[in-house]
Amino acid sequence: MLLRVRHHDGLLVDKRHCKGRLEPGDGAERIVTGEQFLNSIRYLDCEITALDNSRCRLESRRQDLLDKAESIGASLDRVQHGISSKTEDIGVQLADLVTPEELAKKLQAYQDRINRRIDRLVDLRNEAQDIIDQIPNALFRAVLSGRYLNNLKWSTIADLTGYTESHVRGYIKDQAIKVFEELWQS
């Protein structure tokens, strides 16, 4: 049976077998494998970090310009010539900034978005951890938890487990994912 489904990253892909679970997607159903589910946790964590970085940049941008304006103002007291272009530039930048109220709204919108994603991340991690805890092989649990729940690099996991990176990234991961998917689909 050939199914056309929307992959978790928005791309349309053809599936020849119905592996995985159907998950509600933006108006359409899609098939998600256990590995895609685990990767979605990692990607969501990265997205939260990116959103928080954007929020922090927005917050600090206004303060940076206000600090510049203050230092230019202090310079005006000492020197009366050659600075008009600097003050005009800072004035234009300050004029382009949003009001404190608008900034507060933007920052709150960022924080609300981040909080919703954190709530989703906690739910997904809990679901994944419950399944990983059922895996009888401790090495498989360590590899899956390290990579997908704690965002460790493959080289770090290899160091912790005492196997080569290629063995951890290949054979052990593949076997661990296979066991995870069997439990996840049941």
Foldseek 3Di string as FASTA:
>chain_A
DWDWFQQPVGDTDIDPDQAADWDDDDVDTHHAFLVSLLVVLVVLVVVLVVLVVVLVCLVVVLVVLVVQLVVLVVVCVVDPDDCPVVNVVSVVVNVPDDDPVVNVVVSVVSVVVSVVSVVVSVVSLVVLLVLLVPDPDPLLSLLSCVCRVVVHDLCVSCVVVVHHSCCSVPVSPVVSSVSSRVSVVD
